[in-house]
Amino acid sequence: MSKKTVAAVFLLALVVTFTAGSCQKIDTSRVLFTSAQPLKLLDPIPLEYGELIAAFPHLGNSYWVELWFQKPDKTISIVLVNVSQGKVVPRATIPRK
């Protein structure tokens, strides 16, 4: 085998070793829905917020979701939704020029 082939095999083995060593087992003990009760309806989100363009989990509290909307005039509206309590709270409006 040539030196390039040996080097390529060694590099591949090194990458596989580091990749396998960095794997973590996913925690499957956490259950999202623990109740057999039907889901309740949340407060409606007004259509005047515009079209939904993104949804993000809130970093500080897993019960809150941040929704980003875009109006036809390109204004961005950010709304927080508490999925546990059913609250919809307007957070910010960002006008665009």
N, C-alpha and C. Protein backbone atom coordinates (compact mmCIF):
# COMPACT_ATOMS: atom_id res chain seq x y z
N MET A 1 0.84 -1.18 0.00
CA MET A 1 0.00 0.00 0.00
C MET A 1 0.88 1.25 0.00
N SER A 2 0.41 2.24 -0.72
CA SER A 2 1.19 3.47 -0.81
C SER A 2 1.03 4.29 0.47
N LYS A 3 1.88 5.28 0.63
CA LYS A 3 1.83 6.14 1.81
C LYS A 3 0.52 6.94 1.86
N LYS A 4 0.01 7.34 0.68
CA LYS A 4 -1.25 8.10 0.64
C LYS A 4 -2.42 7.23 1.09
N THR A 5 -2.43 5.97 0.68
CA THR A 5 -3.50 5.06 1.07
C THR A 5 -3.47 4.80 2.57
N VAL A 6 -2.28 4.59 3.12
CA VAL A 6 -2.12 4.35 4.56
C VAL A 6 -2.58 5.58 5.34
N ALA A 7 -2.20 6.75 4.86
CA ALA A 7 -2.58 8.00 5.53
C ALA A 7 -4.10 8.20 5.48
N ALA A 8 -4.72 7.89 4.34
CA ALA A 8 -6.17 8.03 4.19
C ALA A 8 -6.90 7.07 5.11
N VAL A 9 -6.44 5.82 5.20
CA VAL A 9 -7.06 4.82 6.08
C VAL A 9 -6.90 5.24 7.53
N PHE A 10 -5.73 5.72 7.90
CA PHE A 10 -5.49 6.18 9.27
C PHE A 10 -6.39 7.37 9.61
N LEU A 11 -6.52 8.31 8.69
CA LEU A 11 -7.37 9.48 8.91
C LEU A 11 -8.84 9.08 9.05
N LEU A 12 -9.27 8.15 8.22
CA LEU A 12 -10.65 7.66 8.29
C LEU A 12 -10.90 6.96 9.63
N ALA A 13 -9.95 6.13 10.07
CA ALA A 13 -10.09 5.45 11.36
C ALA A 13 -10.13 6.45 12.51
N LEU A 14 -9.35 7.50 12.41
CA LEU A 14 -9.32 8.55 13.43
C LEU A 14 -10.65 9.29 13.50
N VAL A 15 -11.22 9.61 12.36
CA VAL A 15 -12.51 10.30 12.30
C VAL A 15 -13.61 9.42 12.87
N VAL A 16 -13.62 8.15 12.51
CA VAL A 16 -14.63 7.22 13.02
C VAL A 16 -14.50 7.09 14.54
N THR A 17 -13.30 7.03 15.04
CA THR A 17 -13.08 6.91 16.49
C THR A 17 -13.61 8.12 17.23
N PHE A 18 -13.30 9.32 16.76
CA PHE A 18 -13.78 10.53 17.44
C PHE A 18 -15.29 10.68 17.30
N THR A 19 -15.84 10.31 16.16
CA THR A 19 -17.29 10.40 15.97
C THR A 19 -18.02 9.44 16.90
N ALA A 20 -17.55 8.22 16.99
CA ALA A 20 -18.19 7.23 17.87
C ALA A 20 -18.02 7.61 19.33
N GLY A 21 -16.91 8.21 19.69
CA GLY A 21 -16.67 8.61 21.07
C GLY A 21 -17.50 9.79 21.52
N SER A 22 -17.98 10.60 20.58
CA SER A 22 -18.74 11.78 20.95
C SER A 22 -20.25 11.54 20.97
N CYS A 23 -20.68 10.33 20.65
CA CYS A 23 -22.11 10.02 20.66
C CYS A 23 -22.63 9.97 22.09
N GLN A 24 -23.87 10.43 22.27
CA GLN A 24 -24.51 10.37 23.57
C GLN A 24 -25.84 9.66 23.43
N LYS A 25 -26.22 8.94 24.47
CA LYS A 25 -27.51 8.28 24.47
C LYS A 25 -28.59 9.33 24.71
N ILE A 26 -29.66 9.27 23.94
CA ILE A 26 -30.77 10.21 24.07
C ILE A 26 -31.61 9.81 25.26
N ASP A 27 -31.99 10.79 26.09
CA ASP A 27 -32.82 10.54 27.26
C ASP A 27 -34.25 10.29 26.82
N THR A 28 -34.69 9.04 26.91
CA THR A 28 -36.04 8.68 26.50
C THR A 28 -37.01 8.61 27.67
N SER A 29 -36.53 8.90 28.88
CA SER A 29 -37.41 8.83 30.04
C SER A 29 -38.33 10.03 30.13
N ARG A 30 -38.04 11.08 29.42
CA ARG A 30 -38.85 12.30 29.46
C ARG A 30 -40.02 12.16 28.49
N VAL A 31 -41.21 12.24 29.01
CA VAL A 31 -42.42 12.08 28.21
C VAL A 31 -43.08 13.44 28.04
N LEU A 32 -43.45 13.79 26.81
CA LEU A 32 -44.06 15.09 26.57
C LEU A 32 -45.49 15.16 27.10
N PHE A 33 -46.29 14.15 26.85
CA PHE A 33 -47.69 14.16 27.28
C PHE A 33 -47.90 13.01 28.24
N THR A 34 -48.19 13.34 29.50
CA THR A 34 -48.37 12.30 30.50
C THR A 34 -49.84 12.05 30.80
N SER A 35 -50.72 12.85 30.24
CA SER A 35 -52.14 12.73 30.54
C SER A 35 -52.89 12.13 29.36
N ALA A 36 -53.91 11.35 29.68
CA ALA A 36 -54.74 10.78 28.62
C ALA A 36 -55.90 11.71 28.27
N GLN A 37 -55.95 12.89 28.89
CA GLN A 37 -57.01 13.86 28.61
C GLN A 37 -56.80 14.46 27.23
N PRO A 38 -57.91 14.82 26.56
CA PRO A 38 -57.75 15.45 25.24
C PRO A 38 -57.11 16.83 25.38
N LEU A 39 -56.42 17.25 24.34
CA LEU A 39 -55.77 18.55 24.35
C LEU A 39 -56.81 19.66 24.35
N LYS A 40 -56.54 20.72 25.11
CA LYS A 40 -57.47 21.84 25.13
C LYS A 40 -57.10 22.83 24.04
N LEU A 41 -58.08 23.58 23.60
CA LEU A 41 -57.84 24.60 22.58
C LEU A 41 -57.23 25.83 23.22
N LEU A 42 -56.26 26.41 22.56
CA LEU A 42 -55.62 27.64 23.04
C LEU A 42 -56.39 28.84 22.53
N ASP A 43 -56.08 30.01 23.10
CA ASP A 43 -56.66 31.25 22.58
C ASP A 43 -56.30 31.38 21.11
N PRO A 44 -57.23 31.88 20.29
CA PRO A 44 -56.90 32.03 18.87
C PRO A 44 -55.84 33.11 18.66
N ILE A 45 -55.02 32.92 17.67
CA ILE A 45 -54.01 33.91 17.30
C ILE A 45 -54.62 34.75 16.18
N PRO A 46 -54.72 36.07 16.39
CA PRO A 46 -55.38 36.91 15.38
C PRO A 46 -54.70 36.83 14.02
N LEU A 47 -55.50 36.84 12.97
CA LEU A 47 -54.98 36.80 11.60
C LEU A 47 -54.19 38.06 11.25
N GLU A 48 -54.44 39.16 11.96
CA GLU A 48 -53.73 40.41 11.64
C GLU A 48 -52.24 40.35 11.95
N TYR A 49 -51.78 39.32 12.66
CA TYR A 49 -50.34 39.15 12.87
C TYR A 49 -49.64 38.79 11.56
N GLY A 50 -50.36 38.20 10.63
CA GLY A 50 -49.78 37.85 9.35
C GLY A 50 -49.53 36.36 9.23
N GLU A 51 -48.63 36.01 8.31
CA GLU A 51 -48.31 34.61 8.02
C GLU A 51 -47.21 34.12 8.96
N LEU A 52 -47.39 32.93 9.51
CA LEU A 52 -46.38 32.34 10.40
C LEU A 52 -45.14 31.99 9.58
N ILE A 53 -43.98 32.51 10.02
CA ILE A 53 -42.74 32.24 9.28
C ILE A 53 -41.75 31.42 10.09
N ALA A 54 -41.91 31.39 11.44
CA ALA A 54 -40.97 30.63 12.27
C ALA A 54 -41.58 30.35 13.63
N ALA A 55 -41.13 29.26 14.25
CA ALA A 55 -41.54 28.92 15.60
C ALA A 55 -40.30 28.39 16.33
N PHE A 56 -40.09 28.90 17.54
CA PHE A 56 -38.91 28.53 18.32
C PHE A 56 -39.33 28.18 19.74
N PRO A 57 -38.72 27.18 20.35
CA PRO A 57 -38.96 26.94 21.77
C PRO A 57 -38.30 28.06 22.58
N HIS A 58 -38.94 28.48 23.65
CA HIS A 58 -38.37 29.52 24.51
C HIS A 58 -37.22 28.90 25.28
N LEU A 59 -36.09 29.57 25.34
CA LEU A 59 -34.90 29.00 25.98
C LEU A 59 -35.03 28.90 27.49
N GLY A 60 -35.79 29.82 28.10
CA GLY A 60 -35.89 29.85 29.56
C GLY A 60 -36.97 28.95 30.13
N ASN A 61 -38.01 28.64 29.35
CA ASN A 61 -39.14 27.87 29.87
C ASN A 61 -39.71 27.02 28.74
N SER A 62 -39.74 25.72 28.95
CA SER A 62 -40.16 24.82 27.87
C SER A 62 -41.67 24.86 27.60
N TYR A 63 -42.44 25.54 28.46
CA TYR A 63 -43.88 25.66 28.22
C TYR A 63 -44.22 26.81 27.27
N TRP A 64 -43.26 27.64 26.97
CA TRP A 64 -43.48 28.78 26.08
C TRP A 64 -42.87 28.52 24.71
N VAL A 65 -43.58 28.96 23.67
CA VAL A 65 -43.11 28.87 22.29
C VAL A 65 -43.16 30.28 21.71
N GLU A 66 -42.14 30.64 20.97
CA GLU A 66 -42.08 31.96 20.33
C GLU A 66 -42.44 31.80 18.86
N LEU A 67 -43.48 32.52 18.44
CA LEU A 67 -43.93 32.46 17.05
C LEU A 67 -43.60 33.78 16.36
N TRP A 68 -43.06 33.70 15.16
CA TRP A 68 -42.73 34.89 14.36
C TRP A 68 -43.67 34.93 13.17
N PHE A 69 -44.31 36.09 12.97
CA PHE A 69 -45.24 36.29 11.87
C PHE A 69 -44.74 37.42 10.99
N GLN A 70 -45.14 37.39 9.70
CA GLN A 70 -44.80 38.46 8.77
C GLN A 70 -46.07 38.95 8.10
N LYS A 71 -46.29 40.27 8.21
CA LYS A 71 -47.45 40.89 7.57
C LYS A 71 -47.13 41.16 6.10
N PRO A 72 -48.16 41.45 5.29
CA PRO A 72 -47.90 41.74 3.87
C PRO A 72 -46.93 42.91 3.65
N ASP A 73 -46.89 43.89 4.59
CA ASP A 73 -45.95 45.01 4.44
C ASP A 73 -44.56 44.69 4.98
N LYS A 74 -44.29 43.39 5.26
CA LYS A 74 -43.00 42.85 5.72
C LYS A 74 -42.71 43.14 7.19
N THR A 75 -43.66 43.70 7.95
CA THR A 75 -43.50 43.91 9.38
C THR A 75 -43.46 42.55 10.07
N ILE A 76 -42.55 42.39 11.03
CA ILE A 76 -42.41 41.15 11.78
C ILE A 76 -43.11 41.31 13.13
N SER A 77 -43.94 40.34 13.51
CA SER A 77 -44.58 40.32 14.82
C SER A 77 -44.13 39.07 15.56
N ILE A 78 -43.76 39.24 16.83
CA ILE A 78 -43.33 38.12 17.66
C ILE A 78 -44.36 37.92 18.75
N VAL A 79 -44.82 36.68 18.90
CA VAL A 79 -45.87 36.34 19.86
C VAL A 79 -45.39 35.16 20.70
N LEU A 80 -45.61 35.23 22.01
CA LEU A 80 -45.31 34.10 22.89
C LEU A 80 -46.59 33.31 23.15
N VAL A 81 -46.49 32.00 23.13
CA VAL A 81 -47.63 31.13 23.41
C VAL A 81 -47.23 30.17 24.53
N ASN A 82 -48.03 30.15 25.61
CA ASN A 82 -47.82 29.19 26.69
C ASN A 82 -48.70 27.99 26.41
N VAL A 83 -48.09 26.88 26.07
CA VAL A 83 -48.86 25.70 25.67
C VAL A 83 -49.49 25.00 26.86
N SER A 84 -49.03 25.29 28.06
CA SER A 84 -49.60 24.68 29.24
C SER A 84 -50.86 25.41 29.70
N GLN A 85 -50.82 26.75 29.68
CA GLN A 85 -51.92 27.56 30.18
C GLN A 85 -52.82 28.08 29.06
N GLY A 86 -52.40 27.98 27.83
CA GLY A 86 -53.21 28.46 26.72
C GLY A 86 -53.15 29.97 26.53
N LYS A 87 -52.11 30.62 27.02
CA LYS A 87 -51.98 32.08 26.90
C LYS A 87 -51.29 32.45 25.59
N VAL A 88 -51.76 33.53 24.97
CA VAL A 88 -51.12 34.11 23.79
C VAL A 88 -50.76 35.54 24.14
N VAL A 89 -49.46 35.87 24.13
CA VAL A 89 -48.99 37.18 24.56
C VAL A 89 -48.18 37.82 23.44
N PRO A 90 -48.65 38.99 22.90
CA PRO A 90 -47.82 39.70 21.92
C PRO A 90 -46.52 40.18 22.57
N ARG A 91 -45.42 40.00 21.89
CA ARG A 91 -44.12 40.34 22.48
C ARG A 91 -43.50 41.57 21.83
N ALA A 92 -43.46 41.61 20.49
CA ALA A 92 -42.81 42.73 19.81
C ALA A 92 -43.32 42.84 18.39
N THR A 93 -43.22 44.05 17.85
CA THR A 93 -43.50 44.32 16.43
C THR A 93 -42.30 45.04 15.87
N ILE A 94 -41.76 44.52 14.78
CA ILE A 94 -40.56 45.09 14.17
C ILE A 94 -40.92 45.60 12.79
N PRO A 95 -41.01 46.93 12.60
CA PRO A 95 -41.34 47.46 11.27
C PRO A 95 -40.14 47.31 10.34
N ARG A 96 -40.42 47.21 9.05
CA ARG A 96 -39.37 47.09 8.03
C ARG A 96 -39.45 48.30 7.10
N LYS A 97 -38.31 48.73 6.63
CA LYS A 97 -38.26 49.87 5.70
C LYS A 97 -38.09 49.38 4.30
